[in-house]
Amino acid sequence: MAALSAAQRTQIYNELTEATSEDTAEVIVQSVIDVQWDTLVTNDHLDAGFAQVGARFAQVGARFAQVDSRFAQVDSRFARLEGQVDARFAQVDSRFARLEGQLDARFAQIDARFAEVREQSAQTDAKIERTARNMTIWLMSTTLAFNGLLAAWLTAVH
């Protein structure tokens, strides 16, 4: 089909104006009339375009499947690493529990030793107190005896 002349466009515009409104006629003439009819899209064109879009979506879908597979591999690695980390923490917890038990036993030994030292200190304090009391009694007895002898001697001498 050949391009429309200005006269033909005007005639189509006038007929559309009579059938519709001026605004509608303007829109139709501007959007359709300038188009070459041999370049309009056919169903075959649409089918080919949809096939291309479908093929592209299939490629994108395949790429997403690859990404999903990669994420599954990463998830598997993380799960394996998480298991390893959990096992290591369990070992560390076990070591700490063992060390805690050893420290508790050692502190119990130290507490028992301090109790022994306190007991020995109390016994030593009691011995010192007895010895000091005995020495005080002896010193007082000796002093009284000496004073008695001195008094007797002084009486005998005078």
N, C-alpha and C. Protein backbone atom coordinates (compact mmCIF):
# COMPACT_ATOMS: atom_id res chain seq x y z
N MET A 1 0.86 -1.16 0.00
CA MET A 1 0.00 0.00 0.00
C MET A 1 0.90 1.23 0.00
N ALA A 2 0.54 2.21 -0.77
CA ALA A 2 1.34 3.43 -0.91
C ALA A 2 1.03 4.37 0.24
N ALA A 3 1.93 5.34 0.45
CA ALA A 3 1.73 6.33 1.51
C ALA A 3 0.54 7.21 1.16
N LEU A 4 -0.15 7.69 2.17
CA LEU A 4 -1.34 8.54 1.96
C LEU A 4 -0.92 9.97 1.65
N SER A 5 -1.70 10.58 0.84
CA SER A 5 -1.46 11.99 0.53
C SER A 5 -2.11 12.83 1.62
N ALA A 6 -1.80 14.12 1.63
CA ALA A 6 -2.38 15.04 2.61
C ALA A 6 -3.89 15.12 2.43
N ALA A 7 -4.34 15.08 1.20
CA ALA A 7 -5.78 15.16 0.93
C ALA A 7 -6.49 13.93 1.48
N GLN A 8 -5.87 12.78 1.30
CA GLN A 8 -6.48 11.54 1.80
C GLN A 8 -6.53 11.56 3.32
N ARG A 9 -5.48 12.04 3.94
CA ARG A 9 -5.47 12.13 5.42
C ARG A 9 -6.56 13.07 5.90
N THR A 10 -6.72 14.17 5.26
CA THR A 10 -7.75 15.16 5.64
C THR A 10 -9.13 14.55 5.51
N GLN A 11 -9.35 13.81 4.42
CA GLN A 11 -10.66 13.18 4.20
C GLN A 11 -10.95 12.16 5.32
N ILE A 12 -9.95 11.34 5.67
CA ILE A 12 -10.13 10.35 6.74
C ILE A 12 -10.40 11.06 8.06
N TYR A 13 -9.69 12.14 8.32
CA TYR A 13 -9.87 12.90 9.56
C TYR A 13 -11.29 13.44 9.64
N ASN A 14 -11.79 14.01 8.53
CA ASN A 14 -13.13 14.59 8.52
C ASN A 14 -14.19 13.52 8.74
N GLU A 15 -14.02 12.36 8.13
CA GLU A 15 -15.00 11.28 8.29
C GLU A 15 -14.98 10.74 9.73
N LEU A 16 -13.78 10.65 10.32
CA LEU A 16 -13.69 10.20 11.72
C LEU A 16 -14.30 11.22 12.67
N THR A 17 -14.15 12.48 12.35
CA THR A 17 -14.71 13.54 13.20
C THR A 17 -16.23 13.45 13.20
N GLU A 18 -16.83 13.14 12.02
CA GLU A 18 -18.28 13.00 11.95
C GLU A 18 -18.74 11.77 12.74
N ALA A 19 -17.92 10.70 12.74
CA ALA A 19 -18.32 9.45 13.41
C ALA A 19 -18.01 9.48 14.90
N THR A 20 -16.96 10.21 15.30
CA THR A 20 -16.56 10.27 16.72
C THR A 20 -16.45 11.73 17.14
N SER A 21 -15.40 12.07 17.83
CA SER A 21 -15.15 13.46 18.21
C SER A 21 -13.85 13.92 17.57
N GLU A 22 -13.58 15.23 17.64
CA GLU A 22 -12.35 15.76 17.04
C GLU A 22 -11.12 15.18 17.75
N ASP A 23 -11.18 15.08 19.08
CA ASP A 23 -10.03 14.54 19.83
C ASP A 23 -9.74 13.10 19.43
N THR A 24 -10.80 12.28 19.33
CA THR A 24 -10.62 10.87 18.97
C THR A 24 -10.09 10.76 17.55
N ALA A 25 -10.62 11.56 16.65
CA ALA A 25 -10.16 11.54 15.26
C ALA A 25 -8.69 11.94 15.19
N GLU A 26 -8.29 12.95 15.96
CA GLU A 26 -6.89 13.40 15.99
C GLU A 26 -5.97 12.27 16.45
N VAL A 27 -6.37 11.58 17.53
CA VAL A 27 -5.56 10.49 18.06
C VAL A 27 -5.42 9.38 17.03
N ILE A 28 -6.51 9.01 16.40
CA ILE A 28 -6.48 7.91 15.43
C ILE A 28 -5.62 8.28 14.23
N VAL A 29 -5.78 9.46 13.72
CA VAL A 29 -5.02 9.87 12.53
C VAL A 29 -3.54 9.93 12.85
N GLN A 30 -3.19 10.49 14.00
CA GLN A 30 -1.77 10.61 14.35
C GLN A 30 -1.12 9.26 14.64
N SER A 31 -1.86 8.33 15.23
CA SER A 31 -1.24 7.07 15.60
C SER A 31 -1.31 6.00 14.53
N VAL A 32 -2.26 6.05 13.62
CA VAL A 32 -2.42 4.98 12.65
C VAL A 32 -2.06 5.40 11.23
N ILE A 33 -2.43 6.55 10.84
CA ILE A 33 -2.32 6.95 9.44
C ILE A 33 -0.86 7.03 8.99
N ASP A 34 0.06 7.48 9.85
CA ASP A 34 1.44 7.63 9.43
C ASP A 34 2.17 6.29 9.34
N VAL A 35 1.57 5.23 9.77
CA VAL A 35 2.20 3.92 9.78
C VAL A 35 2.14 3.31 8.39
N GLN A 36 3.23 2.66 7.99
CA GLN A 36 3.22 1.92 6.72
C GLN A 36 2.57 0.58 7.01
N TRP A 37 1.55 0.24 6.27
CA TRP A 37 0.76 -0.95 6.54
C TRP A 37 1.56 -2.24 6.32
N ASP A 38 2.57 -2.18 5.53
CA ASP A 38 3.34 -3.39 5.30
C ASP A 38 4.30 -3.68 6.46
N THR A 39 4.43 -2.75 7.43
CA THR A 39 5.31 -2.97 8.58
C THR A 39 4.54 -3.30 9.84
N LEU A 40 3.26 -3.44 9.77
CA LEU A 40 2.47 -3.77 10.95
C LEU A 40 2.80 -5.20 11.40
N VAL A 41 2.71 -5.44 12.69
CA VAL A 41 3.04 -6.73 13.29
C VAL A 41 1.91 -7.72 13.01
N THR A 42 2.30 -8.92 12.61
CA THR A 42 1.31 -9.97 12.36
C THR A 42 1.37 -10.98 13.51
N ASN A 43 0.46 -11.91 13.50
CA ASN A 43 0.46 -12.97 14.51
C ASN A 43 1.75 -13.78 14.44
N ASP A 44 2.24 -13.98 13.22
CA ASP A 44 3.51 -14.71 13.08
C ASP A 44 4.65 -13.96 13.75
N HIS A 45 4.63 -12.60 13.57
CA HIS A 45 5.65 -11.79 14.24
C HIS A 45 5.54 -11.94 15.76
N LEU A 46 4.31 -11.88 16.23
CA LEU A 46 4.08 -12.00 17.68
C LEU A 46 4.52 -13.38 18.18
N ASP A 47 4.17 -14.43 17.44
CA ASP A 47 4.56 -15.79 17.84
C ASP A 47 6.08 -15.92 17.91
N ALA A 48 6.77 -15.36 16.92
CA ALA A 48 8.24 -15.43 16.91
C ALA A 48 8.81 -14.65 18.10
N GLY A 49 8.22 -13.47 18.35
CA GLY A 49 8.69 -12.67 19.50
C GLY A 49 8.45 -13.39 20.81
N PHE A 50 7.27 -13.99 20.95
CA PHE A 50 6.99 -14.73 22.18
C PHE A 50 7.91 -15.94 22.32
N ALA A 51 8.23 -16.57 21.21
CA ALA A 51 9.16 -17.70 21.25
C ALA A 51 10.53 -17.24 21.73
N GLN A 52 10.98 -16.06 21.25
CA GLN A 52 12.27 -15.53 21.70
C GLN A 52 12.23 -15.21 23.19
N VAL A 53 11.15 -14.59 23.60
CA VAL A 53 11.01 -14.26 25.03
C VAL A 53 10.97 -15.55 25.85
N GLY A 54 10.24 -16.55 25.36
CA GLY A 54 10.17 -17.84 26.06
C GLY A 54 11.54 -18.48 26.16
N ALA A 55 12.30 -18.42 25.06
CA ALA A 55 13.65 -19.00 25.08
C ALA A 55 14.53 -18.24 26.08
N ARG A 56 14.38 -16.94 26.10
CA ARG A 56 15.19 -16.13 27.05
C ARG A 56 14.79 -16.47 28.49
N PHE A 57 13.51 -16.61 28.75
CA PHE A 57 13.06 -17.00 30.09
C PHE A 57 13.59 -18.38 30.46
N ALA A 58 13.64 -19.28 29.48
CA ALA A 58 14.20 -20.61 29.73
C ALA A 58 15.67 -20.50 30.11
N GLN A 59 16.41 -19.61 29.42
CA GLN A 59 17.82 -19.39 29.76
C GLN A 59 17.95 -18.82 31.18
N VAL A 60 17.10 -17.86 31.48
CA VAL A 60 17.12 -17.27 32.82
C VAL A 60 16.76 -18.33 33.86
N GLY A 61 15.77 -19.15 33.55
CA GLY A 61 15.39 -20.24 34.46
C GLY A 61 16.54 -21.21 34.68
N ALA A 62 17.26 -21.54 33.59
CA ALA A 62 18.41 -22.44 33.71
C ALA A 62 19.49 -21.80 34.58
N ARG A 63 19.69 -20.49 34.38
CA ARG A 63 20.69 -19.78 35.19
C ARG A 63 20.28 -19.79 36.66
N PHE A 64 19.00 -19.57 36.92
CA PHE A 64 18.52 -19.63 38.31
C PHE A 64 18.71 -21.02 38.89
N ALA A 65 18.51 -22.05 38.06
CA ALA A 65 18.74 -23.42 38.54
C ALA A 65 20.20 -23.61 38.91
N GLN A 66 21.11 -23.04 38.11
CA GLN A 66 22.54 -23.10 38.43
C GLN A 66 22.83 -22.37 39.74
N VAL A 67 22.24 -21.19 39.88
CA VAL A 67 22.43 -20.41 41.12
C VAL A 67 21.87 -21.18 42.31
N ASP A 68 20.69 -21.78 42.13
CA ASP A 68 20.10 -22.58 43.21
C ASP A 68 21.01 -23.75 43.58
N SER A 69 21.60 -24.39 42.56
CA SER A 69 22.52 -25.49 42.82
C SER A 69 23.74 -24.99 43.59
N ARG A 70 24.24 -23.85 43.19
CA ARG A 70 25.41 -23.27 43.88
C ARG A 70 25.06 -22.94 45.33
N PHE A 71 23.88 -22.37 45.54
CA PHE A 71 23.46 -22.08 46.92
C PHE A 71 23.33 -23.36 47.73
N ALA A 72 22.85 -24.41 47.09
CA ALA A 72 22.74 -25.70 47.79
C ALA A 72 24.13 -26.20 48.20
N GLN A 73 25.12 -26.02 47.31
CA GLN A 73 26.49 -26.41 47.65
C GLN A 73 27.02 -25.57 48.82
N VAL A 74 26.76 -24.27 48.76
CA VAL A 74 27.21 -23.38 49.84
C VAL A 74 26.51 -23.76 51.15
N ASP A 75 25.21 -24.03 51.07
CA ASP A 75 24.47 -24.46 52.27
C ASP A 75 25.06 -25.75 52.83
N SER A 76 25.41 -26.67 51.95
CA SER A 76 26.00 -27.93 52.38
C SER A 76 27.34 -27.68 53.08
N ARG A 77 28.14 -26.80 52.50
CA ARG A 77 29.43 -26.46 53.14
C ARG A 77 29.21 -25.85 54.52
N PHE A 78 28.27 -24.91 54.58
CA PHE A 78 28.00 -24.28 55.88
C PHE A 78 27.52 -25.31 56.89
N ALA A 79 26.68 -26.23 56.46
CA ALA A 79 26.19 -27.27 57.38
C ALA A 79 27.35 -28.12 57.86
N ARG A 80 28.26 -28.48 56.95
CA ARG A 80 29.42 -29.28 57.33
C ARG A 80 30.32 -28.49 58.28
N LEU A 81 30.56 -27.22 57.95
CA LEU A 81 31.40 -26.38 58.82
C LEU A 81 30.74 -26.17 60.17
N GLU A 82 29.43 -26.00 60.16
CA GLU A 82 28.71 -25.82 61.42
C GLU A 82 28.87 -27.07 62.30
N GLY A 83 28.80 -28.24 61.66
CA GLY A 83 29.01 -29.48 62.40
C GLY A 83 30.41 -29.55 62.97
N GLN A 84 31.40 -29.14 62.18
CA GLN A 84 32.78 -29.16 62.66
C GLN A 84 32.98 -28.16 63.80
N VAL A 85 32.40 -26.98 63.65
CA VAL A 85 32.52 -25.96 64.70
C VAL A 85 31.83 -26.45 65.98
N ASP A 86 30.65 -27.04 65.82
CA ASP A 86 29.94 -27.58 66.99
C ASP A 86 30.77 -28.66 67.68
N ALA A 87 31.41 -29.52 66.88
CA ALA A 87 32.25 -30.58 67.46
C ALA A 87 33.44 -29.98 68.21
N ARG A 88 34.05 -28.95 67.62
CA ARG A 88 35.19 -28.29 68.29
C ARG A 88 34.73 -27.63 69.59
N PHE A 89 33.59 -26.97 69.56
CA PHE A 89 33.09 -26.36 70.79
C PHE A 89 32.78 -27.41 71.84
N ALA A 90 32.27 -28.55 71.41
CA ALA A 90 32.01 -29.64 72.36
C ALA A 90 33.32 -30.11 72.98
N GLN A 91 34.38 -30.20 72.17
CA GLN A 91 35.69 -30.58 72.72
C GLN A 91 36.19 -29.54 73.71
N VAL A 92 36.04 -28.27 73.35
CA VAL A 92 36.48 -27.19 74.24
C VAL A 92 35.66 -27.22 75.53
N ASP A 93 34.35 -27.40 75.39
CA ASP A 93 33.50 -27.49 76.58
C ASP A 93 33.94 -28.65 77.47
N SER A 94 34.26 -29.79 76.85
CA SER A 94 34.71 -30.96 77.61
C SER A 94 36.02 -30.65 78.33
N ARG A 95 36.94 -29.99 77.62
CA ARG A 95 38.21 -29.61 78.27
C ARG A 95 37.97 -28.67 79.44
N PHE A 96 37.13 -27.68 79.23
CA PHE A 96 36.85 -26.75 80.32
C PHE A 96 36.21 -27.47 81.51
N ALA A 97 35.31 -28.39 81.22
CA ALA A 97 34.67 -29.14 82.30
C ALA A 97 35.71 -29.95 83.07
N ARG A 98 36.63 -30.58 82.32
CA ARG A 98 37.68 -31.36 82.96
C ARG A 98 38.59 -30.44 83.78
N LEU A 99 38.98 -29.31 83.21
CA LEU A 99 39.83 -28.36 83.94
C LEU A 99 39.11 -27.80 85.16
N GLU A 100 37.83 -27.54 85.01
CA GLU A 100 37.04 -27.03 86.12
C GLU A 100 37.02 -28.06 87.25
N GLY A 101 36.85 -29.33 86.89
CA GLY A 101 36.88 -30.40 87.89
C GLY A 101 38.24 -30.48 88.57
N GLN A 102 39.31 -30.35 87.78
CA GLN A 102 40.65 -30.39 88.36
C GLN A 102 40.88 -29.19 89.27
N LEU A 103 40.42 -28.02 88.84
CA LEU A 103 40.57 -26.82 89.68
C LEU A 103 39.76 -26.96 90.97
N ASP A 104 38.54 -27.48 90.85
CA ASP A 104 37.72 -27.68 92.05
C ASP A 104 38.42 -28.63 93.02
N ALA A 105 38.99 -29.72 92.49
CA ALA A 105 39.71 -30.67 93.35
C ALA A 105 40.93 -30.01 93.98
N ARG A 106 41.65 -29.22 93.19
CA ARG A 106 42.84 -28.54 93.72
C ARG A 106 42.45 -27.53 94.79
N PHE A 107 41.38 -26.78 94.55
CA PHE A 107 40.93 -25.83 95.56
C PHE A 107 40.46 -26.55 96.83
N ALA A 108 39.85 -27.70 96.67
CA ALA A 108 39.44 -28.49 97.84
C ALA A 108 40.66 -28.92 98.63
N GLN A 109 41.73 -29.31 97.92
CA GLN A 109 42.98 -29.67 98.61
C GLN A 109 43.56 -28.46 99.34
N ILE A 110 43.53 -27.31 98.67
CA ILE A 110 44.06 -26.09 99.30
C ILE A 110 43.22 -25.73 100.52
N ASP A 111 41.89 -25.83 100.38
CA ASP A 111 41.02 -25.55 101.53
C ASP A 111 41.32 -26.50 102.69
N ALA A 112 41.53 -27.79 102.37
CA ALA A 112 41.85 -28.77 103.42
C ALA A 112 43.19 -28.42 104.07
N ARG A 113 44.15 -28.01 103.26
CA ARG A 113 45.47 -27.64 103.80
C ARG A 113 45.36 -26.41 104.70
N PHE A 114 44.57 -25.43 104.28
CA PHE A 114 44.36 -24.25 105.13
C PHE A 114 43.68 -24.64 106.45
N ALA A 115 42.74 -25.59 106.37
CA ALA A 115 42.09 -26.05 107.60
C ALA A 115 43.12 -26.70 108.51
N GLU A 116 44.02 -27.50 107.94
CA GLU A 116 45.09 -28.11 108.74
C GLU A 116 45.98 -27.04 109.37
N VAL A 117 46.34 -26.04 108.56
CA VAL A 117 47.21 -24.97 109.06
C VAL A 117 46.50 -24.20 110.18
N ARG A 118 45.20 -23.94 110.00
CA ARG A 118 44.45 -23.24 111.06
C ARG A 118 44.42 -24.09 112.34
N GLU A 119 44.21 -25.40 112.16
CA GLU A 119 44.19 -26.30 113.33
C GLU A 119 45.55 -26.31 114.01
N GLN A 120 46.61 -26.44 113.22
CA GLN A 120 47.96 -26.43 113.79
C GLN A 120 48.26 -25.09 114.46
N SER A 121 47.78 -24.01 113.84
CA SER A 121 47.99 -22.68 114.42
C SER A 121 47.25 -22.56 115.75
N ALA A 122 46.04 -23.11 115.79
CA ALA A 122 45.27 -23.07 117.03
C ALA A 122 45.97 -23.90 118.11
N GLN A 123 46.49 -25.07 117.73
CA GLN A 123 47.22 -25.91 118.69
C GLN A 123 48.48 -25.20 119.17
N THR A 124 49.18 -24.56 118.22
CA THR A 124 50.40 -23.82 118.59
C THR A 124 50.06 -22.67 119.51
N ASP A 125 48.98 -21.95 119.19
CA ASP A 125 48.55 -20.85 120.07
C ASP A 125 48.24 -21.36 121.47
N ALA A 126 47.57 -22.53 121.55
CA ALA A 126 47.24 -23.11 122.86
C ALA A 126 48.52 -23.50 123.60
N LYS A 127 49.50 -24.10 122.90
CA LYS A 127 50.77 -24.47 123.54
C LYS A 127 51.51 -23.24 124.03
N ILE A 128 51.54 -22.20 123.20
CA ILE A 128 52.23 -20.96 123.61
C ILE A 128 51.55 -20.37 124.83
N GLU A 129 50.23 -20.38 124.83
CA GLU A 129 49.49 -19.84 125.96
C GLU A 129 49.78 -20.64 127.23
N ARG A 130 49.78 -21.99 127.13
CA ARG A 130 50.10 -22.83 128.30
C ARG A 130 51.53 -22.58 128.78
N THR A 131 52.43 -22.52 127.79
CA THR A 131 53.84 -22.30 128.15
C THR A 131 54.01 -20.93 128.80
N ALA A 132 53.38 -19.92 128.28
CA ALA A 132 53.48 -18.57 128.86
C ALA A 132 52.88 -18.57 130.25
N ARG A 133 51.75 -19.24 130.44
CA ARG A 133 51.13 -19.32 131.77
C ARG A 133 52.05 -20.04 132.75
N ASN A 134 52.60 -21.20 132.28
CA ASN A 134 53.52 -21.96 133.14
C ASN A 134 54.76 -21.14 133.48
N MET A 135 55.29 -20.43 132.51
CA MET A 135 56.49 -19.62 132.77
C MET A 135 56.16 -18.47 133.71
N THR A 136 54.95 -17.91 133.56
CA THR A 136 54.56 -16.82 134.46
C THR A 136 54.43 -17.34 135.88
N ILE A 137 53.82 -18.51 136.02
CA ILE A 137 53.67 -19.12 137.35
C ILE A 137 55.06 -19.43 137.93
N TRP A 138 55.94 -20.02 137.11
CA TRP A 138 57.30 -20.33 137.59
C TRP A 138 58.03 -19.07 137.99
N LEU A 139 57.92 -18.01 137.15
CA LEU A 139 58.62 -16.75 137.43
C LEU A 139 58.07 -16.13 138.71
N MET A 140 56.77 -16.19 138.88
CA MET A 140 56.18 -15.62 140.10
C MET A 140 56.59 -16.44 141.32
N SER A 141 56.58 -17.77 141.14
CA SER A 141 57.00 -18.63 142.27
C SER A 141 58.46 -18.39 142.61
N THR A 142 59.28 -18.31 141.62
CA THR A 142 60.70 -18.07 141.84
C THR A 142 60.92 -16.71 142.49
N THR A 143 60.19 -15.72 142.01
CA THR A 143 60.33 -14.37 142.58
C THR A 143 59.88 -14.38 144.03
N LEU A 144 58.79 -15.05 144.35
CA LEU A 144 58.32 -15.12 145.74
C LEU A 144 59.32 -15.89 146.62
N ALA A 145 59.83 -16.96 146.06
CA ALA A 145 60.81 -17.75 146.83
C ALA A 145 62.06 -16.92 147.08
N PHE A 146 62.50 -16.22 146.05
CA PHE A 146 63.70 -15.40 146.20
C PHE A 146 63.44 -14.27 147.20
N ASN A 147 62.27 -13.68 147.12
CA ASN A 147 61.94 -12.61 148.08
C ASN A 147 61.88 -13.17 149.50
N GLY A 148 61.35 -14.37 149.63
CA GLY A 148 61.30 -15.01 150.95
C GLY A 148 62.69 -15.28 151.47
N LEU A 149 63.57 -15.78 150.63
CA LEU A 149 64.96 -16.03 151.04
C LEU A 149 65.66 -14.72 151.36
N LEU A 150 65.43 -13.74 150.56
CA LEU A 150 66.07 -12.44 150.79
C LEU A 150 65.57 -11.85 152.11
N ALA A 151 64.28 -11.97 152.37
CA ALA A 151 63.73 -11.44 153.61
C ALA A 151 64.31 -12.21 154.81
N ALA A 152 64.43 -13.52 154.67
CA ALA A 152 64.98 -14.33 155.76
C ALA A 152 66.45 -13.99 155.98
N TRP A 153 67.15 -13.81 154.95
CA TRP A 153 68.59 -13.47 155.07
C TRP A 153 68.75 -12.10 155.69
N LEU A 154 67.93 -11.16 155.21
CA LEU A 154 68.03 -9.82 155.76
C LEU A 154 67.64 -9.83 157.25
N THR A 155 66.73 -10.63 157.63
CA THR A 155 66.33 -10.74 159.03
C THR A 155 67.44 -11.38 159.82
N ALA A 156 68.07 -12.34 159.27
CA ALA A 156 69.15 -13.04 159.99
C ALA A 156 70.38 -12.15 160.06
N VAL A 157 70.63 -11.39 159.16
CA VAL A 157 71.82 -10.55 159.13
C VAL A 157 71.59 -9.33 160.03
N HIS A 158 70.60 -8.85 160.26
CA HIS A 158 70.37 -7.66 161.05
C HIS A 158 69.97 -8.02 162.38
